[in-house]
PDB file of N, CA and C in Angstrom:
ATOM      1  N   UNK A   1      -9.141 -19.524   7.339  1.00  0.00           N
ATOM      2  CA  UNK A   1      -7.984 -20.428   6.959  1.00  0.00           C
ATOM      3  C   UNK A   1      -7.747 -20.174   5.372  1.00  0.00           C
ATOM      4  N   UNK A   2      -9.063 -20.067   4.802  1.00  0.00           N
ATOM      5  CA  UNK A   2      -8.994 -19.993   3.235  1.00  0.00           C
ATOM      6  C   UNK A   2      -8.280 -18.346   2.997  1.00  0.00           C
ATOM      7  N   UNK A   3      -8.190 -17.735   4.068  1.00  0.00           N
ATOM      8  CA  UNK A   3      -7.752 -16.330   3.595  1.00  0.00           C
ATOM      9  C   UNK A   3      -6.196 -16.058   4.114  1.00  0.00           C
ATOM     10  N   UNK A   4      -5.966 -17.005   4.993  1.00  0.00           N
ATOM     11  CA  UNK A   4      -4.561 -17.094   5.464  1.00  0.00           C
ATOM     12  C   UNK A   4      -4.351 -16.678   6.998  1.00  0.00           C
ATOM     13  N   UNK A   5      -5.618 -16.612   7.763  1.00  0.00           N
ATOM     14  CA  UNK A   5      -5.695 -16.155   9.065  1.00  0.00           C
ATOM     15  C   UNK A   5      -4.999 -17.313   9.743  1.00  0.00           C
ATOM     16  N   UNK A   6      -4.283 -16.712  10.855  1.00  0.00           N
ATOM     17  CA  UNK A   6      -3.772 -17.856  11.672  1.00  0.00           C
ATOM     18  C   UNK A   6      -4.263 -18.266  12.948  1.00  0.00           C
ATOM     19  N   UNK A   7      -5.373 -17.276  13.495  1.00  0.00           N
ATOM     20  CA  UNK A   7      -6.264 -17.782  14.438  1.00  0.00           C
ATOM     21  C   UNK A   7      -7.169 -16.587  14.957  1.00  0.00           C
ATOM     22  N   UNK A   8      -7.615 -16.704  16.084  1.00  0.00           N
ATOM     23  CA  UNK A   8      -8.813 -15.825  16.553  1.00  0.00           C
ATOM     24  C   UNK A   8      -8.239 -14.980  18.071  1.00  0.00           C
ATOM     25  N   UNK A   9      -8.324 -13.815  18.064  1.00  0.00           N
ATOM     26  CA  UNK A   9      -8.367 -12.918  19.355  1.00  0.00           C
ATOM     27  C   UNK A   9      -9.409 -12.670  19.841  1.00  0.00           C
ATOM     28  N   UNK A  10      -9.671 -12.647  20.997  1.00  0.00           N
ATOM     29  CA  UNK A  10     -10.621 -12.325  21.730  1.00  0.00           C
ATOM     30  C   UNK A  10     -10.714 -12.052  23.042  1.00  0.00           C
ATOM     31  N   UNK A  11     -11.600 -11.762  23.892  1.00  0.00           N
ATOM     32  CA  UNK A  11     -11.923 -11.429  25.207  1.00  0.00           C
ATOM     33  C   UNK A  11     -13.122 -12.440  25.769  1.00  0.00           C
ATOM     34  N   UNK A  12     -12.804 -13.121  27.002  1.00  0.00           N
ATOM     35  CA  UNK A  12     -13.895 -13.803  27.430  1.00  0.00           C
ATOM     36  C   UNK A  12     -13.559 -13.971  28.829  1.00  0.00           C
ATOM     37  N   UNK A  13     -14.494 -14.866  29.544  1.00  0.00           N
ATOM     38  CA  UNK A  13     -14.272 -15.510  30.813  1.00  0.00           C
ATOM     39  C   UNK A  13     -13.526 -16.696  30.629  1.00  0.00           C
ATOM     40  N   UNK A  14     -12.311 -16.869  31.436  1.00  0.00           N
ATOM     41  CA  UNK A  14     -11.421 -17.999  31.170  1.00  0.00           C
ATOM     42  C   UNK A  14     -12.129 -18.986  30.996  1.00  0.00           C
ATOM     43  N   UNK A  15     -12.984 -19.498  32.087  1.00  0.00           N
ATOM     44  CA  UNK A  15     -13.533 -20.956  32.244  1.00  0.00           C
ATOM     45  C   UNK A  15     -14.572 -21.185  30.902  1.00  0.00           C
ATOM     46  N   UNK A  16     -15.249 -20.095  30.265  1.00  0.00           N
ATOM     47  CA  UNK A  16     -15.643 -20.433  29.205  1.00  0.00           C
ATOM     48  C   UNK A  16     -15.020 -20.967  28.028  1.00  0.00           C
ATOM     49  N   UNK A  17     -14.028 -20.232  27.839  1.00  0.00           N
ATOM     50  CA  UNK A  17     -13.205 -20.529  26.702  1.00  0.00           C
ATOM     51  C   UNK A  17     -12.440 -22.280  26.952  1.00  0.00           C
ATOM     52  N   UNK A  18     -12.078 -22.114  28.203  1.00  0.00           N
ATOM     53  CA  UNK A  18     -11.571 -23.202  28.563  1.00  0.00           C
ATOM     54  C   UNK A  18     -12.292 -24.658  28.174  1.00  0.00           C
ATOM     55  N   UNK A  19     -13.665 -24.600  28.407  1.00  0.00           N
ATOM     56  CA  UNK A  19     -14.576 -25.384  28.492  1.00  0.00           C
ATOM     57  C   UNK A  19     -14.833 -25.914  27.044  1.00  0.00           C
ATOM     58  N   UNK A  20     -14.670 -24.937  26.106  1.00  0.00           N
ATOM     59  CA  UNK A  20     -15.138 -25.383  24.477  1.00  0.00           C
ATOM     60  C   UNK A  20     -13.794 -25.659  23.961  1.00  0.00           C
ATOM     61  N   UNK A  21     -12.682 -24.814  24.063  1.00  0.00           N
ATOM     62  CA  UNK A  21     -11.394 -25.133  23.405  1.00  0.00           C
ATOM     63  C   UNK A  21     -10.561 -25.623  24.442  1.00  0.00           C
ATOM     64  N   UNK A  22     -10.128 -26.947  24.107  1.00  0.00           N
ATOM     65  CA  UNK A  22      -9.279 -27.751  25.289  1.00  0.00           C
ATOM     66  C   UNK A  22      -7.889 -27.604  25.046  1.00  0.00           C
ATOM     67  N   UNK A  23      -7.323 -27.113  23.878  1.00  0.00           N
ATOM     68  CA  UNK A  23      -6.102 -27.069  23.625  1.00  0.00           C
ATOM     69  C   UNK A  23      -5.627 -25.902  22.734  1.00  0.00           C
ATOM     70  N   UNK A  24      -4.495 -25.246  22.750  1.00  0.00           N
ATOM     71  CA  UNK A  24      -4.069 -24.450  21.799  1.00  0.00           C
ATOM     72  C   UNK A  24      -4.399 -22.790  22.418  1.00  0.00           C
ATOM     73  N   UNK A  25      -5.063 -22.698  23.416  1.00  0.00           N
ATOM     74  CA  UNK A  25      -5.355 -21.276  23.937  1.00  0.00           C
ATOM     75  C   UNK A  25      -3.927 -20.760  24.261  1.00  0.00           C
ATOM     76  N   UNK A  26      -3.557 -19.422  24.070  1.00  0.00           N
ATOM     77  CA  UNK A  26      -2.442 -18.603  24.401  1.00  0.00           C
ATOM     78  C   UNK A  26      -3.294 -17.381  25.126  1.00  0.00           C
ATOM     79  N   UNK A  27      -3.234 -17.498  26.299  1.00  0.00           N
ATOM     80  CA  UNK A  27      -3.639 -16.199  27.266  1.00  0.00           C
ATOM     81  C   UNK A  27      -2.722 -15.086  27.088  1.00  0.00           C
ATOM     82  N   UNK A  28      -3.398 -13.893  26.667  1.00  0.00           N
ATOM     83  CA  UNK A  28      -2.592 -12.611  26.419  1.00  0.00           C
ATOM     84  C   UNK A  28      -2.517 -11.579  27.429  1.00  0.00           C
ATOM     85  N   UNK A  29      -2.188 -12.118  28.832  1.00  0.00           N
ATOM     86  CA  UNK A  29      -2.179 -11.079  30.087  1.00  0.00           C
ATOM     87  C   UNK A  29      -2.965 -11.682  30.910  1.00  0.00           C
ATOM     88  N   UNK A  30      -3.130 -10.857  32.203  1.00  0.00           N
ATOM     89  CA  UNK A  30      -3.693 -11.612  33.156  1.00  0.00           C
ATOM     90  C   UNK A  30      -5.243 -11.088  33.110  1.00  0.00           C
ATOM     91  N   UNK A  31      -6.163 -11.813  34.073  1.00  0.00           N
ATOM     92  CA  UNK A  31      -7.549 -11.311  33.836  1.00  0.00           C
ATOM     93  C   UNK A  31      -7.808  -9.771  34.272  1.00  0.00           C
ATOM     94  N   UNK A  32      -8.733  -9.229  33.926  1.00  0.00           N
ATOM     95  CA  UNK A  32      -9.250  -7.883  34.078  1.00  0.00           C
ATOM     96  C   UNK A  32     -10.496  -7.688  34.146  1.00  0.00           C
ATOM     97  N   UNK A  33     -11.235  -6.885  35.032  1.00  0.00           N
ATOM     98  CA  UNK A  33     -12.821  -6.570  35.028  1.00  0.00           C
ATOM     99  C   UNK A  33     -13.075  -5.739  33.732  1.00  0.00           C
ATOM    100  N   UNK A  34     -14.108  -6.402  33.057  1.00  0.00           N
ATOM    101  CA  UNK A  34     -14.832  -5.932  31.917  1.00  0.00           C
ATOM    102  C   UNK A  34     -16.283  -5.995  32.262  1.00  0.00           C
ATOM    103  N   UNK A  35     -17.091  -4.756  32.372  1.00  0.00           N
ATOM    104  CA  UNK A  35     -18.606  -4.848  32.561  1.00  0.00           C
ATOM    105  C   UNK A  35     -18.850  -5.618  33.892  1.00  0.00           C
ATOM    106  N   UNK A  36     -17.856  -5.332  34.884  1.00  0.00           N
ATOM    107  CA  UNK A  36     -18.212  -6.135  36.162  1.00  0.00           C
ATOM    108  C   UNK A  36     -17.750  -7.629  36.292  1.00  0.00           C
ATOM    109  N   UNK A  37     -17.117  -8.155  35.123  1.00  0.00           N
ATOM    110  CA  UNK A  37     -16.754  -9.372  35.100  1.00  0.00           C
ATOM    111  C   UNK A  37     -15.326  -9.698  34.742  1.00  0.00           C
ATOM    112  N   UNK A  38     -14.618 -10.476  35.402  1.00  0.00           N
ATOM    113  CA  UNK A  38     -13.360 -11.028  35.148  1.00  0.00           C
ATOM    114  C   UNK A  38     -13.141 -11.720  33.904  1.00  0.00           C
ATOM    115  N   UNK A  39     -12.644 -10.984  32.913  1.00  0.00           N
ATOM    116  CA  UNK A  39     -12.177 -11.615  31.550  1.00  0.00           C
ATOM    117  C   UNK A  39     -10.701 -11.366  31.165  1.00  0.00           C
ATOM    118  N   UNK A  40     -10.726 -12.234  30.087  1.00  0.00           N
ATOM    119  CA  UNK A  40      -9.176 -12.426  29.636  1.00  0.00           C
ATOM    120  C   UNK A  40      -9.184 -12.272  28.323  1.00  0.00           C
ATOM    121  N   UNK A  41      -8.029 -11.789  27.785  1.00  0.00           N
ATOM    122  CA  UNK A  41      -7.707 -11.637  26.361  1.00  0.00           C
ATOM    123  C   UNK A  41      -7.164 -12.937  25.721  1.00  0.00           C
ATOM    124  N   UNK A  42      -7.255 -13.619  24.923  1.00  0.00           N
ATOM    125  CA  UNK A  42      -6.684 -14.837  24.286  1.00  0.00           C
ATOM    126  C   UNK A  42      -6.390 -14.874  22.854  1.00  0.00           C
ATOM    127  N   UNK A  43      -5.727 -15.769  22.405  1.00  0.00           N
ATOM    128  CA  UNK A  43      -5.325 -16.144  20.708  1.00  0.00           C
ATOM    129  C   UNK A  43      -5.547 -17.432  20.833  1.00  0.00           C
ATOM    130  N   UNK A  44      -6.159 -17.858  20.015  1.00  0.00           N
ATOM    131  CA  UNK A  44      -6.429 -19.375  19.400  1.00  0.00           C
ATOM    132  C   UNK A  44      -6.237 -19.757  18.144  1.00  0.00           C
ATOM    133  N   UNK A  45      -5.249 -20.565  18.004  1.00  0.00           N
ATOM    134  CA  UNK A  45      -4.631 -20.787  16.617  1.00  0.00           C
ATOM    135  C   UNK A  45      -6.050 -21.429  15.794  1.00  0.00           C
ATOM    136  N   UNK A  46      -5.864 -21.263  14.451  1.00  0.00           N
ATOM    137  CA  UNK A  46      -7.202 -21.795  13.485  1.00  0.00           C
ATOM    138  C   UNK A  46      -7.304 -23.284  13.837  1.00  0.00           C
ATOM    139  N   UNK A  47      -6.159 -24.044  14.028  1.00  0.00           N
ATOM    140  CA  UNK A  47      -6.488 -25.646  14.207  1.00  0.00           C
ATOM    141  C   UNK A  47      -7.254 -25.949  15.327  1.00  0.00           C
ATOM    142  N   UNK A  48      -7.058 -25.110  16.461  1.00  0.00           N
ATOM    143  CA  UNK A  48      -7.919 -25.437  17.714  1.00  0.00           C
ATOM    144  C   UNK A  48      -9.208 -24.741  17.734  1.00  0.00           C
ATOM    145  N   UNK A  49      -9.645 -23.860  17.158  1.00  0.00           N
ATOM    146  CA  UNK A  49     -10.747 -23.037  16.979  1.00  0.00           C
ATOM    147  C   UNK A  49     -12.376 -24.278  16.939  1.00  0.00           C
ATOM    148  N   UNK A  50     -12.157 -25.188  16.148  1.00  0.00           N
ATOM    149  CA  UNK A  50     -13.190 -26.237  16.060  1.00  0.00           C
ATOM    150  C   UNK A  50     -12.988 -27.545  16.650  1.00  0.00           C
ATOM    151  N   UNK A  51     -13.236 -27.552  17.897  1.00  0.00           N
ATOM    152  CA  UNK A  51     -12.866 -28.661  18.753  1.00  0.00           C
ATOM    153  C   UNK A  51     -13.778 -29.862  17.965  1.00  0.00           C
ATOM    154  N   UNK A  52     -12.947 -31.183  17.751  1.00  0.00           N
ATOM    155  CA  UNK A  52     -13.863 -32.226  17.139  1.00  0.00           C
ATOM    156  C   UNK A  52     -15.039 -32.605  17.876  1.00  0.00           C
ATOM    157  N   UNK A  53     -14.821 -32.927  19.255  1.00  0.00           N
ATOM    158  CA  UNK A  53     -15.796 -33.287  20.102  1.00  0.00           C
ATOM    159  C   UNK A  53     -17.248 -32.402  19.988  1.00  0.00           C
ATOM    160  N   UNK A  54     -17.004 -30.950  19.965  1.00  0.00           N
ATOM    161  CA  UNK A  54     -18.055 -30.335  19.903  1.00  0.00           C
ATOM    162  C   UNK A  54     -18.888 -30.260  18.471  1.00  0.00           C
ATOM    163  N   UNK A  55     -18.117 -30.536  17.582  1.00  0.00           N
ATOM    164  CA  UNK A  55     -18.554 -30.502  16.213  1.00  0.00           C
ATOM    165  C   UNK A  55     -19.384 -31.773  16.146  1.00  0.00           C
ATOM    166  N   UNK A  56     -18.946 -32.905  16.445  1.00  0.00           N
ATOM    167  CA  UNK A  56     -19.639 -33.926  16.562  1.00  0.00           C
ATOM    168  C   UNK A  56     -20.884 -33.967  17.296  1.00  0.00           C
ATOM    169  N   UNK A  57     -20.992 -33.289  18.651  1.00  0.00           N
ATOM    170  CA  UNK A  57     -21.972 -33.430  19.561  1.00  0.00           C
ATOM    171  C   UNK A  57     -22.942 -32.613  18.933  1.00  0.00           C
ATOM    172  N   UNK A  58     -22.697 -31.494  18.188  1.00  0.00           N
ATOM    173  CA  UNK A  58     -23.767 -30.455  17.651  1.00  0.00           C
ATOM    174  C   UNK A  58     -23.932 -30.613  16.284  1.00  0.00           C
ATOM    175  N   UNK A  59     -23.637 -31.642  15.616  1.00  0.00           N
ATOM    176  CA  UNK A  59     -23.690 -31.679  14.048  1.00  0.00           C
ATOM    177  C   UNK A  59     -23.107 -30.623  13.166  1.00  0.00           C
ATOM    178  N   UNK A  60     -21.786 -29.962  13.603  1.00  0.00           N
ATOM    179  CA  UNK A  60     -21.329 -28.979  12.868  1.00  0.00           C
ATOM    180  C   UNK A  60     -20.447 -29.408  11.869  1.00  0.00           C
ATOM    181  N   UNK A  61     -20.546 -29.340  10.716  1.00  0.00           N
ATOM    182  CA  UNK A  61     -19.946 -29.824   9.547  1.00  0.00           C
ATOM    183  C   UNK A  61     -18.462 -29.098   9.277  1.00  0.00           C
ATOM    184  N   UNK A  62     -17.993 -29.685   8.249  1.00  0.00           N
ATOM    185  CA  UNK A  62     -16.689 -29.090   7.983  1.00  0.00           C
ATOM    186  C   UNK A  62     -16.598 -27.661   7.579  1.00  0.00           C
ATOM    187  N   UNK A  63     -17.823 -27.451   6.801  1.00  0.00           N
ATOM    188  CA  UNK A  63     -17.813 -25.857   6.262  1.00  0.00           C
ATOM    189  C   UNK A  63     -18.874 -25.081   7.069  1.00  0.00           C
ATOM    190  N   UNK A  64     -18.597 -24.004   7.628  1.00  0.00           N
ATOM    191  CA  UNK A  64     -19.615 -23.178   8.319  1.00  0.00           C
ATOM    192  C   UNK A  64     -19.667 -21.721   7.794  1.00  0.00           C
ATOM    193  N   UNK A  65     -18.773 -21.379   6.990  1.00  0.00           N
ATOM    194  CA  UNK A  65     -18.785 -20.252   6.446  1.00  0.00           C
ATOM    195  C   UNK A  65     -18.560 -20.145   4.985  1.00  0.00           C
ATOM    196  N   UNK A  66     -19.578 -19.343   4.278  1.00  0.00           N
ATOM    197  CA  UNK A  66     -19.618 -19.077   2.811  1.00  0.00           C
ATOM    198  C   UNK A  66     -18.484 -18.245   2.354  1.00  0.00           C
ATOM    199  N   UNK A  67     -17.817 -18.629   0.989  1.00  0.00           N
ATOM    200  CA  UNK A  67     -16.993 -17.751   0.332  1.00  0.00           C
ATOM    201  C   UNK A  67     -17.807 -16.325   0.102  1.00  0.00           C
ATOM    202  N   UNK A  68     -17.121 -15.252   0.282  1.00  0.00           N
ATOM    203  CA  UNK A  68     -17.711 -14.091  -0.213  1.00  0.00           C
ATOM    204  C   UNK A  68     -18.217 -14.071  -1.574  1.00  0.00           C
ATOM    205  N   UNK A  69     -17.251 -14.498  -2.270  1.00  0.00           N
ATOM    206  CA  UNK A  69     -17.723 -14.650  -3.793  1.00  0.00           C
ATOM    207  C   UNK A  69     -18.966 -15.147  -4.293  1.00  0.00           C
ATOM    208  N   UNK A  70     -19.369 -16.461  -3.418  1.00  0.00           N
ATOM    209  CA  UNK A  70     -20.301 -17.120  -3.551  1.00  0.00           C
ATOM    210  C   UNK A  70     -21.725 -16.625  -2.989  1.00  0.00           C
ATOM    211  N   UNK A  71     -21.558 -15.959  -1.823  1.00  0.00           N
ATOM    212  CA  UNK A  71     -22.471 -15.132  -1.249  1.00  0.00           C
ATOM    213  C   UNK A  71     -23.000 -13.899  -2.388  1.00  0.00           C
ATOM    214  N   UNK A  72     -22.208 -13.251  -2.812  1.00  0.00           N
ATOM    215  CA  UNK A  72     -22.261 -12.228  -3.793  1.00  0.00           C
ATOM    216  C   UNK A  72     -23.060 -12.781  -4.900  1.00  0.00           C
ATOM    217  N   UNK A  73     -22.623 -13.948  -5.418  1.00  0.00           N
ATOM    218  CA  UNK A  73     -23.404 -14.472  -6.803  1.00  0.00           C
ATOM    219  C   UNK A  73     -24.691 -14.838  -6.340  1.00  0.00           C
ATOM    220  N   UNK A  74     -25.108 -15.440  -5.006  1.00  0.00           N
ATOM    221  CA  UNK A  74     -26.148 -16.042  -4.888  1.00  0.00           C
ATOM    222  C   UNK A  74     -27.213 -14.762  -4.496  1.00  0.00           C
ATOM    223  N   UNK A  75     -26.694 -13.593  -3.993  1.00  0.00           N
ATOM    224  CA  UNK A  75     -27.540 -12.414  -3.997  1.00  0.00           C
ATOM    225  C   UNK A  75     -27.939 -11.936  -5.098  1.00  0.00           C
ATOM    226  N   UNK A  76     -27.110 -11.735  -6.021  1.00  0.00           N
ATOM    227  CA  UNK A  76     -27.266 -11.217  -7.202  1.00  0.00           C
ATOM    228  C   UNK A  76     -28.432 -12.187  -8.081  1.00  0.00           C
ATOM    229  N   UNK A  77     -28.344 -13.499  -7.993  1.00  0.00           N
ATOM    230  CA  UNK A  77     -29.082 -14.399  -8.594  1.00  0.00           C
ATOM    231  C   UNK A  77     -30.617 -14.279  -7.711  1.00  0.00           C
ATOM    232  N   UNK A  78     -30.672 -14.127  -6.703  1.00  0.00           N
ATOM    233  CA  UNK A  78     -32.132 -13.741  -6.141  1.00  0.00           C
ATOM    234  C   UNK A  78     -32.796 -12.618  -6.588  1.00  0.00           C
TER     235      UNK A  78
END
């Protein structure tokens, strides 16, 4: 979100994504066999990527990724 991303595109088993992301999934075509498993391409908008239920359940805070500049500064300081 900080860099203007509108969502996430990926490929997975339909039931796995539907379990964790309850809303906002846009399926990008029918399921196809990938390495012997039926998988499907998807797009999930940024607002739906971090389901509140799972964040509370697993104690995931509001910030999970560091700013690239902050990581570089910390690496130089170490």
